[in-house]
Amino acid sequence: MKKRDFILLCVLGFSLAMLIASCSVKPDNLIAIGSKNSTEQLILGELLAQHIEANTDLKVERKLNLGDTFVAHNALTNGEIDAYVEYSGTAFSAILKNEPISNPEEVYQLVKQKYDQNFNLEVMPPLGFSNTFALVIRGEDARKMRVQTISQIAPKTPLWRAGFADEFLDRKDGFTGLAKTYNLSFAEPPKVIDSRLIYTALKDKKVDLIAGNSTDGQIGRFDLAVLQDDRLFFPPYQAVPIIRQQTLQKHPELREVFQQLSGKISEAEMRRLNFQVEGEGSDVKQVVQQFLQSKGLKKK
């Protein structure tokens, strides 16, 4: 190879390397919002993205449907995303490896402290709802018996049939502890039902009580009733946005933007949003846009 060709090749190689490097650097006015892989998470990720776009000059890259808790958490800590919505009890138990506790404020403050110390992450104020395990019965039964709490139905369960997913039967914060706390017994051992079919089984009267998630869209779709956990057995799972401290330092205006969402979504509202997407087939972006407008949060 001639010396001139060699020099030209080196120059081209260097230029290509610089081009690749420049493409991998994220622009200063761009932040990435992520989510886990569920309908609710897609809605919450889109909600953060639209609210930021409407109230700042930042551009938002959506990295939604990343995967489970650990995938999303790792994406946040390694800088692949700047923020996503987590649940306080999941952060407390799954990420921080603590035994579940029932006090929502205590869980929130401990998660906030440890995420700051361990990961340089800021846990923002809760969005207003908790998506936890929930005992669910048919709405017609709840109205007929005039029951609202788990304690109220405990004396009736010896005549009932229960159905639970495998996970609920196996977890520490699942059936065994719940039955002990409320002295629950059933006409027969609880049936193991696929989580995708559990609401249909209740609606079709194959069982009389199930464990679901408190914000599932099927609850409203099938006219079901969530029983209040009046003895606070289930751990709190408050929805909380989590953001990289480095991102907040670069874009301090995001603090106020995230705080504007504090307490804005009730459990019933989250359930309705999930139903609009899952039950009615509505577009996630449109559902979020309409919700933000209804709350007076859509400025641009």
C-alpha atoms as a PDB file:
ATOM      1  CA  MET A   1       0.000   0.000   0.000  1.00  0.00           C
ATOM      2  CA  LYS A   2       1.312   3.420  -0.931  1.00  0.00           C
ATOM      3  CA  LYS A   3       1.969   5.881   1.889  1.00  0.00           C
ATOM      4  CA  ARG A   4      -0.559   8.323   0.416  1.00  0.00           C
ATOM      5  CA  ASP A   5      -3.260   5.629   0.299  1.00  0.00           C
ATOM      6  CA  PHE A   6      -2.451   4.601   3.854  1.00  0.00           C
ATOM      7  CA  ILE A   7      -2.814   8.189   5.103  1.00  0.00           C
ATOM      8  CA  LEU A   8      -6.090   8.568   3.213  1.00  0.00           C
ATOM      9  CA  LEU A   9      -7.378   5.326   4.708  1.00  0.00           C
ATOM     10  CA  CYS A  10      -6.452   6.498   8.230  1.00  0.00           C
ATOM     11  CA  VAL A  11      -8.198   9.832   7.673  1.00  0.00           C
ATOM     12  CA  LEU A  12     -11.334   8.082   6.434  1.00  0.00           C
ATOM     13  CA  GLY A  13     -11.269   5.676   9.359  1.00  0.00           C
ATOM     14  CA  PHE A  14     -10.902   8.505  11.845  1.00  0.00           C
ATOM     15  CA  SER A  15     -13.728  10.453  10.208  1.00  0.00           C
ATOM     16  CA  LEU A  16     -15.996   7.397  10.317  1.00  0.00           C
ATOM     17  CA  ALA A  17     -15.215   6.823  13.989  1.00  0.00           C
ATOM     18  CA  MET A  18     -16.000  10.441  14.816  1.00  0.00           C
ATOM     19  CA  LEU A  19     -19.269  10.206  12.882  1.00  0.00           C
ATOM     20  CA  ILE A  20     -20.326   7.088  14.781  1.00  0.00           C
ATOM     21  CA  ALA A  21     -19.398   8.698  18.090  1.00  0.00           C
ATOM     22  CA  SER A  22     -21.346  11.849  17.294  1.00  0.00           C
ATOM     23  CA  CYS A  23     -24.415   9.806  16.399  1.00  0.00           C
ATOM     24  CA  SER A  24     -24.304   7.966  19.732  1.00  0.00           C
ATOM     25  CA  VAL A  25     -24.282  11.162  21.808  1.00  0.00           C
ATOM     26  CA  LYS A  26     -27.785  12.134  22.897  1.00  0.00           C
ATOM     27  CA  PRO A  27     -28.724  15.756  22.143  1.00  0.00           C
ATOM     28  CA  ASP A  28     -28.972  17.997  25.216  1.00  0.00           C
ATOM     29  CA  ASN A  29     -32.655  18.701  24.623  1.00  0.00           C
ATOM     30  CA  LEU A  30     -33.663  15.029  24.296  1.00  0.00           C
ATOM     31  CA  ILE A  31     -34.705  12.765  27.161  1.00  0.00           C
ATOM     32  CA  ALA A  32     -35.827   9.149  27.029  1.00  0.00           C
ATOM     33  CA  ILE A  33     -38.939   7.911  28.843  1.00  0.00           C
ATOM     34  CA  GLY A  34     -39.343   4.184  29.376  1.00  0.00           C
ATOM     35  CA  SER A  35     -41.957   1.759  30.651  1.00  0.00           C
ATOM     36  CA  LYS A  36     -42.393  -1.867  31.589  1.00  0.00           C
ATOM     37  CA  ASN A  37     -44.396  -4.277  29.447  1.00  0.00           C
ATOM     38  CA  SER A  38     -48.050  -3.907  30.424  1.00  0.00           C
ATOM     39  CA  THR A  39     -50.970  -1.821  29.230  1.00  0.00           C
ATOM     40  CA  GLU A  40     -50.871   0.303  32.364  1.00  0.00           C
ATOM     41  CA  GLN A  41     -47.154   0.908  31.980  1.00  0.00           C
ATOM     42  CA  LEU A  42     -47.558   1.958  28.346  1.00  0.00           C
ATOM     43  CA  ILE A  43     -50.203   4.457  29.435  1.00  0.00           C
ATOM     44  CA  LEU A  44     -48.032   5.835  32.248  1.00  0.00           C
ATOM     45  CA  GLY A  45     -44.962   6.101  30.034  1.00  0.00           C
ATOM     46  CA  GLU A  46     -46.951   7.960  27.396  1.00  0.00           C
ATOM     47  CA  LEU A  47     -48.408  10.190  30.108  1.00  0.00           C
ATOM     48  CA  LEU A  48     -44.949  11.249  31.281  1.00  0.00           C
ATOM     49  CA  ALA A  49     -43.831  11.827  27.701  1.00  0.00           C
ATOM     50  CA  GLN A  50     -46.805  13.968  26.688  1.00  0.00           C
ATOM     51  CA  HIS A  51     -46.737  15.997  29.907  1.00  0.00           C
ATOM     52  CA  ILE A  52     -43.043  16.792  29.430  1.00  0.00           C
ATOM     53  CA  GLU A  53     -43.567  17.737  25.785  1.00  0.00           C
ATOM     54  CA  ALA A  54     -46.489  19.986  26.708  1.00  0.00           C
ATOM     55  CA  ASN A  55     -44.740  21.840  29.514  1.00  0.00           C
ATOM     56  CA  THR A  56     -41.085  22.082  28.473  1.00  0.00           C
ATOM     57  CA  ASP A  57     -39.026  22.666  25.348  1.00  0.00           C
ATOM     58  CA  LEU A  58     -37.554  19.180  25.603  1.00  0.00           C
ATOM     59  CA  LYS A  59     -38.012  16.478  23.012  1.00  0.00           C
ATOM     60  CA  VAL A  60     -38.965  13.031  24.265  1.00  0.00           C
ATOM     61  CA  GLU A  61     -37.776   9.692  22.953  1.00  0.00           C
ATOM     62  CA  ARG A  62     -40.214   6.947  23.897  1.00  0.00           C
ATOM     63  CA  LYS A  63     -38.659   3.614  24.903  1.00  0.00           C
ATOM     64  CA  LEU A  64     -41.811   1.902  26.069  1.00  0.00           C
ATOM     65  CA  ASN A  65     -42.561  -1.784  26.607  1.00  0.00           C
ATOM     66  CA  LEU A  66     -38.963  -2.519  27.649  1.00  0.00           C
ATOM     67  CA  GLY A  67     -39.701  -5.632  29.694  1.00  0.00           C
ATOM     68  CA  ASP A  68     -40.096  -6.538  33.352  1.00  0.00           C
ATOM     69  CA  THR A  69     -39.097  -4.609  36.473  1.00  0.00           C
ATOM     70  CA  PHE A  70     -35.427  -5.522  36.320  1.00  0.00           C
ATOM     71  CA  VAL A  71     -35.084  -4.633  32.640  1.00  0.00           C
ATOM     72  CA  ALA A  72     -36.621  -1.199  33.206  1.00  0.00           C
ATOM     73  CA  HIS A  73     -34.579  -0.567  36.352  1.00  0.00           C
ATOM     74  CA  ASN A  74     -31.330  -1.496  34.617  1.00  0.00           C
ATOM     75  CA  ALA A  75     -32.202   0.725  31.653  1.00  0.00           C
ATOM     76  CA  LEU A  76     -32.640   3.611  34.093  1.00  0.00           C
ATOM     77  CA  THR A  77     -29.454   3.038  36.055  1.00  0.00           C
ATOM     78  CA  ASN A  78     -27.282   2.640  32.953  1.00  0.00           C
ATOM     79  CA  GLY A  79     -28.680   5.766  31.289  1.00  0.00           C
ATOM     80  CA  GLU A  80     -30.596   4.100  28.465  1.00  0.00           C
ATOM     81  CA  ILE A  81     -33.684   5.926  29.748  1.00  0.00           C
ATOM     82  CA  ASP A  82     -34.054   8.991  31.964  1.00  0.00           C
ATOM     83  CA  ALA A  83     -37.290   8.131  33.770  1.00  0.00           C
ATOM     84  CA  TYR A  84     -40.113   5.622  34.093  1.00  0.00           C
ATOM     85  CA  VAL A  85     -42.961   4.841  36.500  1.00  0.00           C
ATOM     86  CA  GLU A  86     -42.338   2.152  39.121  1.00  0.00           C
ATOM     87  CA  TYR A  87     -44.438   0.859  42.026  1.00  0.00           C
ATOM     88  CA  SER A  88     -43.183   1.547  45.539  1.00  0.00           C
ATOM     89  CA  GLY A  89     -43.760  -1.979  46.844  1.00  0.00           C
ATOM     90  CA  THR A  90     -42.010  -3.498  43.825  1.00  0.00           C
ATOM     91  CA  ALA A  91     -39.013  -1.219  44.323  1.00  0.00           C
ATOM     92  CA  PHE A  92     -38.974  -2.004  48.038  1.00  0.00           C
ATOM     93  CA  SER A  93     -39.267  -5.795  47.708  1.00  0.00           C
ATOM     94  CA  ALA A  94     -37.938  -6.747  44.259  1.00  0.00           C
ATOM     95  CA  ILE A  95     -35.139  -4.202  43.772  1.00  0.00           C
ATOM     96  CA  LEU A  96     -34.112  -3.474  47.370  1.00  0.00           C
ATOM     97  CA  LYS A  97     -34.789  -7.053  48.570  1.00  0.00           C
ATOM     98  CA  ASN A  98     -36.769  -6.103  51.677  1.00  0.00           C
ATOM     99  CA  GLU A  99     -39.548  -8.030  53.354  1.00  0.00           C
ATOM    100  CA  PRO A 100     -42.928  -6.431  52.518  1.00  0.00           C
ATOM    101  CA  ILE A 101     -44.391  -3.921  54.980  1.00  0.00           C
ATOM    102  CA  SER A 102     -47.841  -2.359  54.885  1.00  0.00           C
ATOM    103  CA  ASN A 103     -47.312   1.333  55.681  1.00  0.00           C
ATOM    104  CA  PRO A 104     -47.427   3.260  52.357  1.00  0.00           C
ATOM    105  CA  GLU A 105     -45.584   6.336  53.595  1.00  0.00           C
ATOM    106  CA  GLU A 106     -42.858   4.273  55.253  1.00  0.00           C
ATOM    107  CA  VAL A 107     -42.319   2.244  52.095  1.00  0.00           C
ATOM    108  CA  TYR A 108     -42.213   5.396  49.970  1.00  0.00           C
ATOM    109  CA  GLN A 109     -39.704   7.185  52.202  1.00  0.00           C
ATOM    110  CA  LEU A 110     -37.420   4.149  52.464  1.00  0.00           C
ATOM    111  CA  VAL A 111     -37.460   3.643  48.689  1.00  0.00           C
ATOM    112  CA  LYS A 112     -36.786   7.342  48.146  1.00  0.00           C
ATOM    113  CA  GLN A 113     -33.824   7.255  50.552  1.00  0.00           C
ATOM    114  CA  LYS A 114     -32.265   4.039  49.236  1.00  0.00           C
ATOM    115  CA  TYR A 115     -32.707   4.920  45.567  1.00  0.00           C
ATOM    116  CA  ASP A 116     -30.897   8.175  46.254  1.00  0.00           C
ATOM    117  CA  GLN A 117     -28.061   6.475  48.135  1.00  0.00           C
ATOM    118  CA  ASN A 118     -27.668   3.355  46.006  1.00  0.00           C
ATOM    119  CA  PHE A 119     -28.546   4.419  42.470  1.00  0.00           C
ATOM    120  CA  ASN A 120     -28.443   8.245  42.254  1.00  0.00           C
ATOM    121  CA  LEU A 121     -32.115   8.160  41.342  1.00  0.00           C
ATOM    122  CA  GLU A 122     -34.856  10.484  42.556  1.00  0.00           C
ATOM    123  CA  VAL A 123     -38.237   9.054  43.474  1.00  0.00           C
ATOM    124  CA  MET A 124     -40.846  11.684  42.681  1.00  0.00           C
ATOM    125  CA  PRO A 125     -44.199  12.145  44.494  1.00  0.00           C
ATOM    126  CA  PRO A 126     -46.806   9.390  43.926  1.00  0.00           C
ATOM    127  CA  LEU A 127     -49.222   9.774  41.031  1.00  0.00           C
ATOM    128  CA  GLY A 128     -52.191   9.092  43.310  1.00  0.00           C
ATOM    129  CA  PHE A 129     -53.053   5.412  42.967  1.00  0.00           C
ATOM    130  CA  SER A 130     -51.718   2.082  44.167  1.00  0.00           C
ATOM    131  CA  ASN A 131     -51.854  -0.977  41.924  1.00  0.00           C
ATOM    132  CA  THR A 132     -51.784  -3.819  44.390  1.00  0.00           C
ATOM    133  CA  PHE A 133     -53.276  -7.275  44.714  1.00  0.00           C
ATOM    134  CA  ALA A 134     -57.020  -7.042  45.306  1.00  0.00           C
ATOM    135  CA  LEU A 135     -59.778  -9.472  46.198  1.00  0.00           C
ATOM    136  CA  VAL A 136     -62.556  -9.125  43.650  1.00  0.00           C
ATOM    137  CA  ILE A 137     -66.167 -10.335  43.632  1.00  0.00           C
ATOM    138  CA  ARG A 138     -69.088  -9.795  41.269  1.00  0.00           C
ATOM    139  CA  GLY A 139     -70.639  -6.367  41.551  1.00  0.00           C
ATOM    140  CA  GLU A 140     -74.125  -7.839  41.855  1.00  0.00           C
ATOM    141  CA  ASP A 141     -72.998  -9.901  44.864  1.00  0.00           C
ATOM    142  CA  ALA A 142     -71.380  -6.906  46.542  1.00  0.00           C
ATOM    143  CA  ARG A 143     -74.565  -4.864  46.151  1.00  0.00           C
ATOM    144  CA  LYS A 144     -76.859  -7.678  47.260  1.00  0.00           C
ATOM    145  CA  MET A 145     -74.815  -8.429  50.400  1.00  0.00           C
ATOM    146  CA  ARG A 146     -73.858  -4.776  50.985  1.00  0.00           C
ATOM    147  CA  VAL A 147     -70.202  -5.630  51.491  1.00  0.00           C
ATOM    148  CA  GLN A 148     -67.196  -3.432  50.803  1.00  0.00           C
ATOM    149  CA  THR A 149     -64.339  -4.971  52.827  1.00  0.00           C
ATOM    150  CA  ILE A 150     -62.577  -8.311  53.088  1.00  0.00           C
ATOM    151  CA  SER A 151     -63.540  -8.553  56.779  1.00  0.00           C
ATOM    152  CA  GLN A 152     -67.218  -8.339  55.820  1.00  0.00           C
ATOM    153  CA  ILE A 153     -67.057 -11.288  53.434  1.00  0.00           C
ATOM    154  CA  ALA A 154     -64.888 -13.529  55.682  1.00  0.00           C
ATOM    155  CA  PRO A 155     -67.866 -15.192  57.442  1.00  0.00           C
ATOM    156  CA  LYS A 156     -69.440 -15.981  54.058  1.00  0.00           C
ATOM    157  CA  THR A 157     -66.466 -17.636  52.350  1.00  0.00           C
ATOM    158  CA  PRO A 158     -67.028 -21.202  53.694  1.00  0.00           C
ATOM    159  CA  LEU A 159     -69.815 -21.389  51.107  1.00  0.00           C
ATOM    160  CA  TRP A 160     -67.771 -19.784  48.320  1.00  0.00           C
ATOM    161  CA  ARG A 161     -65.394 -21.025  45.653  1.00  0.00           C
ATOM    162  CA  ALA A 162     -62.140 -19.112  45.130  1.00  0.00           C
ATOM    163  CA  GLY A 163     -59.848 -18.964  42.123  1.00  0.00           C
ATOM    164  CA  PHE A 164     -56.281 -17.648  42.090  1.00  0.00           C
ATOM    165  CA  ALA A 165     -53.345 -17.499  39.709  1.00  0.00           C
ATOM    166  CA  ASP A 166     -50.223 -19.508  40.567  1.00  0.00           C
ATOM    167  CA  GLU A 167     -48.281 -16.409  41.553  1.00  0.00           C
ATOM    168  CA  PHE A 168     -50.839 -15.369  44.169  1.00  0.00           C
ATOM    169  CA  LEU A 169     -50.773 -18.825  45.738  1.00  0.00           C
ATOM    170  CA  ASP A 170     -46.958 -18.835  45.935  1.00  0.00           C
ATOM    171  CA  ARG A 171     -46.062 -15.319  47.090  1.00  0.00           C
ATOM    172  CA  LYS A 172     -45.509 -14.226  50.697  1.00  0.00           C
ATOM    173  CA  ASP A 173     -48.003 -11.442  50.170  1.00  0.00           C
ATOM    174  CA  GLY A 174     -50.477 -13.897  48.621  1.00  0.00           C
ATOM    175  CA  PHE A 175     -53.103 -16.407  49.666  1.00  0.00           C
ATOM    176  CA  THR A 176     -51.544 -18.060  52.721  1.00  0.00           C
ATOM    177  CA  GLY A 177     -50.897 -14.822  54.573  1.00  0.00           C
ATOM    178  CA  LEU A 178     -54.210 -13.351  53.451  1.00  0.00           C
ATOM    179  CA  ALA A 179     -56.207 -16.363  54.675  1.00  0.00           C
ATOM    180  CA  LYS A 180     -54.469 -16.217  58.036  1.00  0.00           C
ATOM    181  CA  THR A 181     -54.977 -12.471  58.426  1.00  0.00           C
ATOM    182  CA  TYR A 182     -58.710 -12.613  57.658  1.00  0.00           C
ATOM    183  CA  ASN A 183     -59.473 -16.191  58.770  1.00  0.00           C
ATOM    184  CA  LEU A 184     -60.680 -17.153  55.314  1.00  0.00           C
ATOM    185  CA  SER A 185     -61.832 -20.670  54.433  1.00  0.00           C
ATOM    186  CA  PHE A 186     -63.630 -21.921  51.349  1.00  0.00           C
ATOM    187  CA  ALA A 187     -66.003 -24.680  50.310  1.00  0.00           C
ATOM    188  CA  GLU A 188     -63.131 -26.358  48.455  1.00  0.00           C
ATOM    189  CA  PRO A 189     -59.412 -25.645  47.896  1.00  0.00           C
ATOM    190  CA  PRO A 190     -58.915 -22.580  45.669  1.00  0.00           C
ATOM    191  CA  LYS A 191     -58.784 -23.351  41.976  1.00  0.00           C
ATOM    192  CA  VAL A 192     -55.612 -22.507  40.065  1.00  0.00           C
ATOM    193  CA  ILE A 193     -56.666 -20.355  37.108  1.00  0.00           C
ATOM    194  CA  ASP A 194     -54.572 -18.790  34.372  1.00  0.00           C
ATOM    195  CA  SER A 195     -54.260 -15.067  35.110  1.00  0.00           C
ATOM    196  CA  ARG A 196     -55.573 -14.282  31.618  1.00  0.00           C
ATOM    197  CA  LEU A 197     -58.812 -16.168  32.331  1.00  0.00           C
ATOM    198  CA  ILE A 198     -59.420 -15.321  35.956  1.00  0.00           C
ATOM    199  CA  TYR A 199     -61.845 -12.432  35.400  1.00  0.00           C
ATOM    200  CA  THR A 200     -63.880 -14.435  32.911  1.00  0.00           C
ATOM    201  CA  ALA A 201     -64.115 -17.276  35.453  1.00  0.00           C
ATOM    202  CA  LEU A 202     -65.574 -14.875  38.012  1.00  0.00           C
ATOM    203  CA  LYS A 203     -67.978 -13.281  35.536  1.00  0.00           C
ATOM    204  CA  ASP A 204     -69.180 -16.700  34.356  1.00  0.00           C
ATOM    205  CA  LYS A 205     -69.737 -17.793  37.982  1.00  0.00           C
ATOM    206  CA  LYS A 206     -67.225 -20.612  37.896  1.00  0.00           C
ATOM    207  CA  VAL A 207     -65.807 -19.085  41.093  1.00  0.00           C
ATOM    208  CA  ASP A 208     -67.117 -16.497  43.553  1.00  0.00           C
ATOM    209  CA  LEU A 209     -63.927 -14.659  44.478  1.00  0.00           C
ATOM    210  CA  ILE A 210     -60.580 -14.025  42.789  1.00  0.00           C
ATOM    211  CA  ALA A 211     -57.368 -12.097  43.365  1.00  0.00           C
ATOM    212  CA  GLY A 212     -56.578  -9.564  40.664  1.00  0.00           C
ATOM    213  CA  ASN A 213     -54.855  -6.212  40.467  1.00  0.00           C
ATOM    214  CA  SER A 214     -56.701  -3.192  41.777  1.00  0.00           C
ATOM    215  CA  THR A 215     -56.448  -1.178  38.545  1.00  0.00           C
ATOM    216  CA  ASP A 216     -57.238  -3.932  36.022  1.00  0.00           C
ATOM    217  CA  GLY A 217     -59.540  -2.743  33.259  1.00  0.00           C
ATOM    218  CA  GLN A 218     -61.665  -5.892  33.402  1.00  0.00           C
ATOM    219  CA  ILE A 219     -63.037  -4.830  36.790  1.00  0.00           C
ATOM    220  CA  GLY A 220     -65.126  -2.098  35.223  1.00  0.00           C
ATOM    221  CA  ARG A 221     -65.726  -4.032  32.032  1.00  0.00           C
ATOM    222  CA  PHE A 222     -67.395  -6.954  33.860  1.00  0.00           C
ATOM    223  CA  ASP A 223     -69.097  -4.938  36.643  1.00  0.00           C
ATOM    224  CA  LEU A 224     -66.918  -6.370  39.404  1.00  0.00           C
ATOM    225  CA  ALA A 225     -66.195  -5.008  42.878  1.00  0.00           C
ATOM    226  CA  VAL A 226     -62.817  -4.619  44.611  1.00  0.00           C
ATOM    227  CA  LEU A 227     -62.959  -5.392  48.321  1.00  0.00           C
ATOM    228  CA  GLN A 228     -61.180  -2.981  50.621  1.00  0.00           C
ATOM    229  CA  ASP A 229     -58.159  -4.472  52.388  1.00  0.00           C
ATOM    230  CA  ASP A 230     -59.280  -3.089  55.755  1.00  0.00           C
ATOM    231  CA  ARG A 231     -56.533  -4.851  57.749  1.00  0.00           C
ATOM    232  CA  LEU A 232     -53.818  -3.602  55.370  1.00  0.00           C
ATOM    233  CA  PHE A 233     -52.464  -7.027  54.525  1.00  0.00           C
ATOM    234  CA  PHE A 234     -51.354  -6.223  50.982  1.00  0.00           C
ATOM    235  CA  PRO A 235     -48.174  -4.144  50.646  1.00  0.00           C
ATOM    236  CA  PRO A 236     -48.590  -0.676  49.092  1.00  0.00           C
ATOM    237  CA  TYR A 237     -47.745  -0.371  45.420  1.00  0.00           C
ATOM    238  CA  GLN A 238     -47.957   3.370  44.818  1.00  0.00           C
ATOM    239  CA  ALA A 239     -47.171   4.436  41.267  1.00  0.00           C
ATOM    240  CA  VAL A 240     -44.144   6.756  41.440  1.00  0.00           C
ATOM    241  CA  PRO A 241     -42.111   8.310  38.630  1.00  0.00           C
ATOM    242  CA  ILE A 242     -38.368   7.722  39.066  1.00  0.00           C
ATOM    243  CA  ILE A 243     -35.816   9.910  37.314  1.00  0.00           C
ATOM    244  CA  ARG A 244     -32.033  10.026  37.074  1.00  0.00           C
ATOM    245  CA  GLN A 245     -30.512  12.742  39.279  1.00  0.00           C
ATOM    246  CA  GLN A 246     -28.103  13.563  36.456  1.00  0.00           C
ATOM    247  CA  THR A 247     -31.108  14.307  34.242  1.00  0.00           C
ATOM    248  CA  LEU A 248     -32.672  16.547  36.896  1.00  0.00           C
ATOM    249  CA  GLN A 249     -29.430  18.476  37.267  1.00  0.00           C
ATOM    250  CA  LYS A 250     -29.301  19.070  33.520  1.00  0.00           C
ATOM    251  CA  HIS A 251     -33.016  19.873  33.241  1.00  0.00           C
ATOM    252  CA  PRO A 252     -34.203  21.226  36.632  1.00  0.00           C
ATOM    253  CA  GLU A 253     -37.525  22.274  35.106  1.00  0.00           C
ATOM    254  CA  LEU A 254     -38.504  18.598  35.098  1.00  0.00           C
ATOM    255  CA  ARG A 255     -38.896  18.596  38.868  1.00  0.00           C
ATOM    256  CA  GLU A 256     -41.923  20.901  38.738  1.00  0.00           C
ATOM    257  CA  VAL A 257     -43.299  19.086  35.709  1.00  0.00           C
ATOM    258  CA  PHE A 258     -43.244  15.746  37.539  1.00  0.00           C
ATOM    259  CA  GLN A 259     -44.645  17.305  40.706  1.00  0.00           C
ATOM    260  CA  GLN A 260     -47.623  18.587  38.722  1.00  0.00           C
ATOM    261  CA  LEU A 261     -48.697  14.953  38.261  1.00  0.00           C
ATOM    262  CA  SER A 262     -48.689  14.242  41.998  1.00  0.00           C
ATOM    263  CA  GLY A 263     -52.038  12.852  43.153  1.00  0.00           C
ATOM    264  CA  LYS A 264     -53.631  13.342  39.744  1.00  0.00           C
ATOM    265  CA  ILE A 265     -54.628   9.729  39.007  1.00  0.00           C
ATOM    266  CA  SER A 266     -57.025   7.849  41.278  1.00  0.00           C
ATOM    267  CA  GLU A 267     -57.340   4.079  41.307  1.00  0.00           C
ATOM    268  CA  ALA A 268     -60.729   4.312  39.576  1.00  0.00           C
ATOM    269  CA  GLU A 269     -59.294   6.634  36.911  1.00  0.00           C
ATOM    270  CA  MET A 270     -56.363   4.312  36.223  1.00  0.00           C
ATOM    271  CA  ARG A 271     -58.784   1.416  35.949  1.00  0.00           C
ATOM    272  CA  ARG A 272     -60.850   3.428  33.444  1.00  0.00           C
ATOM    273  CA  LEU A 273     -57.765   4.293  31.365  1.00  0.00           C
ATOM    274  CA  ASN A 274     -56.735   0.637  31.272  1.00  0.00           C
ATOM    275  CA  PHE A 275     -60.244  -0.329  30.194  1.00  0.00           C
ATOM    276  CA  GLN A 276     -60.298   2.274  27.423  1.00  0.00           C
ATOM    277  CA  VAL A 277     -57.176   0.691  25.927  1.00  0.00           C
ATOM    278  CA  GLU A 278     -57.795  -2.994  26.714  1.00  0.00           C
ATOM    279  CA  GLY A 279     -61.579  -3.208  26.601  1.00  0.00           C
ATOM    280  CA  GLU A 280     -62.451  -0.580  24.005  1.00  0.00           C
ATOM    281  CA  GLY A 281     -59.316  -0.744  21.861  1.00  0.00           C
ATOM    282  CA  SER A 282     -58.634   2.993  22.104  1.00  0.00           C
ATOM    283  CA  ASP A 283     -55.255   4.398  21.085  1.00  0.00           C
ATOM    284  CA  VAL A 284     -52.919   4.933  24.028  1.00  0.00           C
ATOM    285  CA  LYS A 285     -51.792   8.372  22.846  1.00  0.00           C
ATOM    286  CA  GLN A 286     -55.356   9.610  22.441  1.00  0.00           C
ATOM    287  CA  VAL A 287     -56.427   8.210  25.811  1.00  0.00           C
ATOM    288  CA  VAL A 288     -53.524   9.976  27.538  1.00  0.00           C
ATOM    289  CA  GLN A 289     -54.109  13.230  25.651  1.00  0.00           C
ATOM    290  CA  GLN A 290     -57.769  13.309  26.678  1.00  0.00           C
ATOM    291  CA  PHE A 291     -56.903  12.519  30.291  1.00  0.00           C
ATOM    292  CA  LEU A 292     -54.307  15.279  30.532  1.00  0.00           C
ATOM    293  CA  GLN A 293     -56.736  17.757  29.020  1.00  0.00           C
ATOM    294  CA  SER A 294     -59.425  16.736  31.530  1.00  0.00           C
ATOM    295  CA  LYS A 295     -56.984  17.527  34.327  1.00  0.00           C
ATOM    296  CA  GLY A 296     -56.006  20.873  32.852  1.00  0.00           C
ATOM    297  CA  LEU A 297     -52.433  19.688  32.325  1.00  0.00           C
ATOM    298  CA  LYS A 298     -52.185  20.070  28.550  1.00  0.00           C
ATOM    299  CA  LYS A 299     -50.661  23.508  27.991  1.00  0.00           C
ATOM    300  CA  LYS A 300     -49.201  23.514  24.486  1.00  0.00           C
END
